[in-house]
Protein backbone atom coordinates (compact mmCIF):
# COMPACT_ATOMS: atom_id res chain seq x y z
CA MET A 1 -0.28 0.60 -0.25
CA PHE A 2 2.67 2.56 0.65
CA ARG A 3 4.41 1.21 -2.28
CA HIS A 4 0.86 2.57 -4.08
CA GLU A 5 0.94 5.70 -2.63
CA ARG A 6 4.42 6.72 -4.27
CA GLY A 7 3.37 6.37 -6.97
CA VAL A 8 0.28 8.39 -6.83
CA LYS A 9 2.47 10.84 -5.49
CA GLY A 10 4.99 10.61 -8.29
CA LYS A 11 2.84 11.33 -11.02
CA VAL A 12 0.67 14.49 -9.40
CA ASP A 13 4.48 16.19 -8.94
CA ASN A 14 4.98 14.62 -12.55
CA LYS A 15 2.21 16.54 -13.76
CA ARG A 16 2.37 19.77 -12.13
CA ARG A 17 5.68 20.35 -13.37
CA ARG A 18 4.25 20.05 -16.66
CA HIS A 19 1.91 22.75 -15.78
CA VAL A 20 4.92 24.80 -14.39
CA ASN A 21 6.72 24.59 -17.53
CA ILE A 22 3.85 25.07 -19.67
CA ALA A 23 3.06 28.30 -17.90
CA ALA A 24 6.77 29.52 -18.33
CA TRP A 25 6.96 28.67 -21.73
CA VAL A 26 3.63 31.08 -22.28
CA ILE A 27 5.29 33.80 -20.06
CA MET A 28 7.78 34.06 -22.40
CA SER A 29 6.27 34.09 -25.18
CA ILE A 30 4.48 36.73 -24.16
CA VAL A 31 7.73 38.90 -23.37
CA VAL A 32 8.75 38.14 -26.73
CA ALA A 33 5.48 38.96 -28.76
CA ALA A 34 5.96 42.38 -26.78
CA ALA A 35 9.64 42.97 -27.22
CA ILE A 36 8.60 42.19 -31.09
CA THR A 37 5.99 44.76 -31.07
CA ALA A 38 7.64 47.18 -29.73
CA GLY A 39 10.67 47.16 -32.18
CA ALA A 40 8.45 47.10 -35.24
CA CYS A 41 6.30 50.37 -33.79
CA ALA A 42 9.91 51.95 -33.04
CA MET A 43 10.88 51.06 -36.69
CA PHE A 44 8.08 52.09 -38.36
CA MET A 45 6.31 55.30 -36.68
CA PRO A 46 7.65 58.58 -37.93
CA ASP A 47 10.56 60.16 -35.64
CA ARG A 48 9.16 62.39 -33.00
CA PRO A 49 12.01 64.63 -31.90
CA PRO A 50 12.16 66.02 -28.05
CA ALA A 51 10.43 69.29 -27.85
CA LEU A 52 13.83 70.87 -27.01
CA LEU A 53 14.92 69.86 -30.06
CA GLY A 54 11.71 70.93 -32.07
CA THR A 55 11.82 73.19 -34.70
CA SER A 56 12.01 77.08 -33.59
CA GLY A 57 9.85 79.96 -34.35
CA GLU A 58 10.63 82.46 -37.78
CA VAL A 59 13.00 85.55 -36.54
CA THR A 60 11.21 88.43 -37.64
CA GLN A 61 12.98 91.23 -35.98
CA ALA A 62 16.67 92.01 -35.40
CA LYS A 63 18.42 94.28 -33.09
CA VAL A 64 20.82 97.33 -34.32
CA SER A 65 23.44 99.29 -33.28
CA THR A 66 25.81 102.45 -34.60
CA GLN A 67 28.94 103.04 -35.21
CA GLN A 68 31.13 105.90 -36.82
CA TYR A 69 32.19 105.11 -40.36
CA ASN A 70 34.81 106.45 -42.34
CA GLY A 71 34.96 104.76 -45.30
CA ALA A 72 38.81 103.89 -45.41
CA GLN A 73 39.74 101.99 -48.10
CA THR A 74 42.42 100.77 -50.46
CA VAL A 75 42.49 101.61 -54.14
CA THR A 76 44.37 101.50 -57.52
CA LEU A 77 44.74 104.46 -59.23
CA ILE A 78 46.06 105.12 -62.63
CA PRO A 79 48.30 108.24 -63.39
CA SER A 80 47.83 109.86 -66.75
CA ILE A 81 51.50 111.35 -67.58
CA ALA A 82 51.83 114.23 -70.15
CA SER A 83 54.30 113.60 -72.98
CA ASP A 84 57.59 114.64 -73.20
CA ARG A 85 58.73 118.15 -73.95
CA THR A 86 61.55 120.32 -75.76
CA ILE A 87 62.54 123.87 -74.57
CA LEU A 88 64.00 125.99 -76.96
CA GLY A 89 65.93 129.00 -76.26
CA ASN A 90 65.53 132.22 -77.10
CA SER A 91 69.57 133.37 -76.77
CA THR A 92 72.72 133.25 -78.64
CA GLY A 93 76.37 133.10 -77.61
CA THR A 94 78.06 130.99 -74.88
CA VAL A 95 76.74 129.96 -71.85
CA THR A 96 78.87 131.75 -68.84
CA ALA A 97 76.71 130.18 -65.66
CA ASP A 98 74.66 127.08 -65.53
CA TYR A 99 71.62 127.27 -62.46
CA SER A 100 69.77 124.28 -63.40
CA GLY A 101 71.22 121.57 -61.37
CA ASN A 102 67.96 121.87 -59.03
CA GLY A 103 66.08 122.53 -61.84
CA LEU A 104 64.23 125.70 -63.31
CA SER A 105 61.48 127.43 -60.97
CA PHE A 106 59.79 131.12 -62.52
CA GLY A 107 61.37 134.36 -62.03
CA HIS A 108 64.99 132.52 -61.41
CA ALA A 109 67.96 133.02 -63.36
CA CYS A 110 68.52 129.23 -65.27
CA MET A 111 71.45 130.70 -66.95
CA ARG A 112 73.95 133.08 -67.81
CA VAL A 113 74.58 133.89 -72.04
CA ASN A 114 77.61 136.26 -72.68
CA ASP A 115 77.47 136.97 -68.66
CA ARG A 116 73.65 138.04 -68.99
CA ALA A 117 71.23 136.45 -66.75
CA VAL A 118 68.33 134.44 -68.93
CA ILE A 119 65.16 134.18 -66.39
CA ALA A 120 62.91 131.07 -66.34
CA LEU A 121 59.31 132.70 -66.65
CA ASN A 122 55.52 130.61 -66.37
CA THR A 123 53.47 132.69 -68.23
CA ALA A 124 50.04 132.08 -69.01
CA LEU A 125 50.96 132.85 -73.24
CA PRO A 126 54.87 131.90 -74.35
CA LEU A 127 55.87 135.41 -75.05
CA TYR A 128 57.16 136.21 -78.58
CA ARG A 129 58.38 139.03 -78.96
CA ASP A 130 60.36 141.88 -76.66
CA LEU A 131 58.14 144.97 -75.43
CA HIS A 132 57.93 148.03 -74.94
CA VAL A 133 56.16 150.75 -72.91
CA GLU A 134 53.11 151.28 -74.72
CA ASP A 135 53.16 147.88 -76.10
CA ARG A 136 49.38 146.17 -76.02
CA GLY A 137 48.63 142.26 -76.33
CA GLN A 138 47.87 139.09 -74.58
CA ASP A 139 51.51 138.38 -74.20
CA VAL A 140 51.37 141.85 -72.31
CA ARG A 141 48.55 140.74 -70.11
CA ALA A 142 50.61 137.41 -69.36
CA LEU A 143 53.84 138.92 -68.32
CA ASN A 144 51.87 141.45 -66.12
CA ASN A 145 50.05 138.54 -64.34
CA GLU A 146 53.46 136.97 -64.11
CA LEU A 147 55.41 140.11 -62.72
CA SER A 148 52.13 140.62 -60.49
CA ARG A 149 52.22 136.60 -59.00
CA LEU A 150 56.14 137.10 -58.29
CA GLY A 151 55.25 139.99 -56.11
CA TYR A 152 56.84 142.81 -58.90
CA GLN A 153 55.32 145.74 -59.65
CA SER A 154 52.93 145.70 -63.12
CA ASP A 155 49.01 145.73 -63.48
CA ALA A 156 47.62 143.03 -63.48
CA ASP A 157 45.06 141.27 -65.69
CA SER A 158 46.48 144.97 -67.80
CA ASP A 159 47.20 144.27 -71.80
CA ARG A 160 49.08 147.38 -71.71
CA TYR A 161 53.04 147.76 -70.86
CA SER A 162 52.97 150.38 -68.51
CA TRP A 163 55.41 152.01 -66.70
CA ASN A 164 54.71 149.59 -63.81
CA THR A 165 55.28 146.98 -65.95
CA GLN A 166 58.31 148.38 -66.72
CA GLN A 167 59.65 149.11 -63.37
CA GLY A 168 58.70 145.27 -62.39
CA TRP A 169 60.99 143.96 -64.88
CA LYS A 170 63.73 145.92 -64.61
CA ARG A 171 63.26 145.70 -60.67
CA LEU A 172 63.31 141.39 -61.63
CA MET A 173 66.51 142.00 -64.32
CA ALA A 174 68.58 143.37 -61.19
CA ASP A 175 67.25 140.84 -58.86
CA ASN A 176 69.03 138.31 -60.54
CA GLY A 177 72.36 140.33 -61.18
CA SER A 178 71.83 142.16 -64.76
CA ASP A 179 70.84 146.01 -65.81
CA SER A 180 67.71 146.45 -67.79
CA ASP A 181 66.31 149.80 -69.02
CA GLY A 182 62.83 148.54 -68.35
CA THR A 183 62.77 146.56 -72.01
CA LEU A 184 61.95 142.85 -72.03
CA LEU A 185 63.80 141.28 -74.58
CA LEU A 186 63.27 138.14 -75.53
CA SER A 187 66.75 136.98 -75.36
CA ASP A 188 66.38 137.17 -71.61
CA ILE A 189 63.99 134.59 -71.14
CA LEU A 190 62.92 131.03 -71.38
CA TRP A 191 59.79 129.56 -70.91
CA ILE A 192 58.82 126.87 -69.01
CA PRO A 193 55.14 125.42 -68.80
CA GLU A 194 55.00 125.21 -65.03
CA GLN A 195 56.29 127.27 -61.98
CA SER A 196 59.02 124.69 -61.59
CA VAL A 197 60.32 122.00 -63.83
CA THR A 198 63.10 119.39 -63.62
CA VAL A 199 64.87 118.84 -67.28
CA SER A 200 66.97 116.62 -69.20
CA ASN A 201 69.14 116.72 -72.02
CA TRP A 202 70.16 120.01 -70.76
CA GLN A 203 72.62 122.48 -73.36
CA GLY A 204 73.03 125.07 -71.12
CA THR A 205 76.14 124.04 -69.27
CA THR A 206 78.55 126.61 -68.49
CA GLY A 207 81.38 126.79 -71.81
CA ALA A 208 78.73 125.65 -74.14
CA SER A 209 77.80 127.98 -77.20
CA ILE A 210 73.99 127.84 -77.69
CA THR A 211 72.16 129.94 -80.32
CA GLN A 212 68.18 131.42 -80.32
CA GLY A 213 65.45 128.60 -81.69
CA SER A 214 67.84 125.36 -80.97
CA GLN A 215 66.98 122.53 -78.40
CA ILE A 216 67.87 123.89 -74.47
CA GLY A 217 66.90 120.62 -72.85
CA ASP A 218 63.78 118.25 -72.28
CA ILE A 219 60.92 118.39 -69.89
CA PRO A 220 60.13 115.02 -68.54
CA GLY A 221 56.68 114.20 -68.74
CA ALA A 222 54.82 115.62 -65.69
CA LEU A 223 51.87 113.76 -63.73
CA VAL A 224 48.41 115.13 -65.05
CA LYS A 225 45.64 113.37 -63.60
CA LEU A 226 45.45 109.92 -60.89
CA SER A 227 42.06 108.24 -61.72
CA ILE A 228 40.59 105.90 -59.23
CA LYS A 229 40.34 102.66 -60.85
CA ASN A 230 36.82 100.77 -60.17
CA THR A 231 35.02 103.43 -57.90
CA ASN A 232 31.88 105.35 -58.04
CA PRO A 233 31.64 109.14 -57.28
CA SER A 234 30.49 109.80 -54.00
CA ASP A 235 27.59 112.86 -52.66
CA GLN A 236 30.67 113.43 -50.25
CA ASP A 237 33.83 114.89 -49.87
CA ARG A 238 36.36 112.14 -49.70
CA VAL A 239 40.47 112.48 -48.72
CA ILE A 240 42.58 110.52 -50.87
CA THR A 241 46.32 109.43 -49.53
CA VAL A 242 48.87 108.49 -51.92
CA PHE A 243 52.65 108.12 -51.13
CA GLY A 244 51.65 110.10 -47.87
CA GLN A 245 50.19 112.86 -49.68
CA SER A 246 46.79 113.88 -48.74
CA THR A 247 44.13 116.21 -50.43
CA THR A 248 40.33 116.21 -50.70
CA LEU A 249 38.64 114.32 -53.31
CA PRO A 250 35.44 116.56 -54.14
CA ALA A 251 31.85 115.13 -54.20
CA GLY A 252 30.89 113.69 -57.42
CA GLN A 253 34.99 113.08 -58.26
CA THR A 254 36.86 110.18 -58.72
CA ALA A 255 39.94 111.58 -60.19
CA ILE A 256 42.03 114.17 -58.85
CA ASP A 257 43.97 116.94 -61.09
CA ASN A 258 45.31 119.53 -58.47
CA ALA A 259 48.47 120.46 -60.65
CA ASP A 260 50.02 121.56 -56.39
CA TYR A 261 49.04 118.11 -55.78
CA LEU A 262 50.37 116.03 -58.33
CA LYS A 263 53.33 117.78 -57.72
CA GLN A 264 54.00 116.83 -54.35
CA VAL A 265 53.40 113.41 -55.04
CA SER A 266 55.39 113.25 -57.99
CA ALA A 267 58.62 114.82 -55.89
CA THR A 268 58.50 111.84 -53.57
CA GLU A 269 60.97 108.87 -53.38
CA GLU A 270 58.13 106.26 -53.72
CA TYR A 271 57.15 107.95 -56.84
CA LYS A 272 60.33 108.67 -58.28
CA THR A 273 61.25 104.56 -57.97
CA GLN A 274 58.04 103.98 -59.70
CA THR A 275 58.77 102.83 -63.56
CA LYS A 276 56.53 103.06 -66.94
CA ASP A 277 55.48 99.76 -66.73
CA THR A 278 53.99 100.06 -62.71
CA LEU A 279 52.91 103.18 -63.15
CA ALA A 280 50.69 101.66 -65.95
CA ALA A 281 49.39 98.81 -63.64
CA GLY A 282 48.30 101.88 -61.36
CA ILE A 283 49.74 102.36 -57.93
CA SER A 284 48.45 102.02 -54.15
CA GLY A 285 46.35 104.72 -52.09
CA THR A 286 44.12 105.16 -49.76
CA LEU A 287 40.27 106.89 -49.80
CA SER A 288 38.39 108.05 -46.50
CA LEU A 289 35.70 109.66 -46.00
CA ALA A 290 36.34 113.87 -45.20
CA GLN A 291 34.53 113.55 -41.78
CA SER A 292 33.07 110.43 -40.27
CA ILE A 293 29.38 109.35 -40.15
CA GLU A 294 27.20 108.08 -37.84
CA ALA A 295 25.72 104.98 -39.83
CA LEU A 296 23.70 102.08 -38.43
CA ARG A 297 24.55 98.62 -38.60
CA VAL A 298 21.55 96.07 -39.64
CA PRO A 299 21.92 92.47 -41.34
CA ALA A 300 22.40 92.86 -44.86
CA GLY A 301 19.11 90.82 -45.53
CA ALA A 302 16.88 93.80 -43.62
CA VAL A 303 17.59 96.34 -46.60
CA PHE A 304 15.13 95.60 -49.37
CA GLY A 305 14.71 97.80 -52.51
CA LEU A 306 18.01 98.17 -53.48
CA ASN A 307 18.97 100.32 -56.60
CA GLY A 308 22.68 100.94 -56.64
CA SER A 309 23.14 102.24 -53.35
CA LYS A 310 19.99 103.27 -52.33
CA GLY A 311 17.12 101.30 -50.29
CA CYS A 312 14.96 100.89 -47.75
CA ILE A 313 14.42 99.21 -44.09
CA MET A 314 11.64 98.77 -41.83
CA THR A 315 11.38 99.24 -37.96
CA THR A 316 9.54 97.44 -35.75
CA ASP A 317 6.21 99.66 -35.89
CA GLY A 318 6.02 99.31 -39.85
CA THR A 319 7.68 102.47 -40.70
CA LYS A 320 10.13 102.53 -43.81
CA HIS A 321 13.24 104.83 -43.76
CA ALA A 322 15.10 105.21 -46.94
CA VAL A 323 19.00 105.21 -46.52
CA THR A 324 22.15 104.88 -48.24
CA VAL A 325 24.35 101.81 -47.87
CA VAL A 326 27.87 103.09 -47.27
CA GLY A 327 29.46 99.97 -46.40
CA SER A 328 29.44 96.51 -45.48
CA SER A 329 30.90 93.60 -44.22
CA LEU A 330 30.35 89.65 -42.85
CA GLY A 331 26.41 89.74 -43.53
CA VAL A 332 26.29 93.13 -42.12
CA SER A 333 25.23 96.54 -43.50
CA LEU A 334 26.40 99.81 -42.95
CA VAL A 335 23.66 102.33 -43.96
CA GLN A 336 22.80 106.06 -43.63
CA LEU A 337 19.41 107.72 -43.54
CA ASN A 338 18.72 109.36 -46.57
CA ASP A 339 16.34 112.04 -44.29
CA GLY A 340 19.55 113.27 -42.29
CA GLY A 341 17.54 111.83 -39.54
CA ASN A 342 18.70 110.60 -35.78
CA THR A 343 20.07 106.69 -36.36
CA SER A 344 20.31 106.30 -33.07
CA SER A 345 16.59 106.34 -32.51
CA ILE A 346 16.16 103.14 -34.41
CA THR A 347 16.99 100.11 -31.91
CA SER A 348 15.85 97.34 -34.07
CA VAL A 349 14.31 96.32 -37.63
CA GLU A 350 12.25 93.54 -39.66
CA ILE A 351 13.74 91.60 -41.52
CA GLY A 352 12.57 87.82 -43.29
CA SER A 353 8.74 87.50 -43.80
CA LYS A 354 7.71 90.79 -42.48
CA ILE A 355 9.57 92.41 -45.28
CA ALA A 356 8.94 90.35 -48.21
CA GLY A 357 8.16 91.49 -51.07
CA ALA A 358 8.41 95.12 -49.65
CA THR A 359 9.32 97.95 -51.78
CA CYS A 360 10.58 101.44 -51.08
CA SER A 361 7.48 102.77 -52.45
């Protein structure tokens, strides 16, 4: 009987173990099915980024600021150089003194011929005859103006060779070491095209024999203009600096033809070392506004309706302001209000869709 009980109990235990194993497999199947379902959902459902990484709203306003702007920029200038000129002498004789070492300067003797001073003159009209008291003509007017410019007695802007003209010429000759009765002798002068010039191939060396009408020397072509390459005229005065020499470039101009300034430039050592090839390629200079202006710094995209340098910006209250773009860099435009208004009163501008399709009208 005891054996029979043990047999029954063993069958019951085996049956219980089978039930436990079946339950475990059922639970494991459910877990695996749930994992597969979750994986499938993760694979086929669209991504949903975290709120922190979601698309941000459009920016339609930008803060602005002001700055002082002088428009300084490096430019290339193309020189215009006159052709070499030949000087013809009016004297005949032997050169007894040569004063050309430092160039020829108006109102000063350039040499002595037969021990008589030959005066360099820069008259507006080259003199071509001897002049006496009561002679009239445009050459006399040119002489009167030259004497006046030199500080000698004359009747400025008069075409009459008066007593004053006579006295002025007499004094000029005396100051250069020669006597004169006040009559201007053509042999006593040498006409030069500028107030002072350098000369080459000079024939008036001491001991040389010269004749009237013969070549006495050459004047190398002078610098007559500097044109700024690839630039637009400004509606404001600017300052141009070349080889350390500065002058005002008037509004609306892109070239310098001021003779005095060009002489200053051509007298610098930097200019003297230039060759024809380097001059033809252009020389470097700087250009800046004569006076700094207060400019408004705005995003480049804030300027709309651009026509050349003219355009508009819109403040956050919807007001349009006509502006001129005076400079730009790294996505920023520097603008000036066309009506001369206070730029510091503008603190922000519209950008993006707020000005899409906007015009200045």
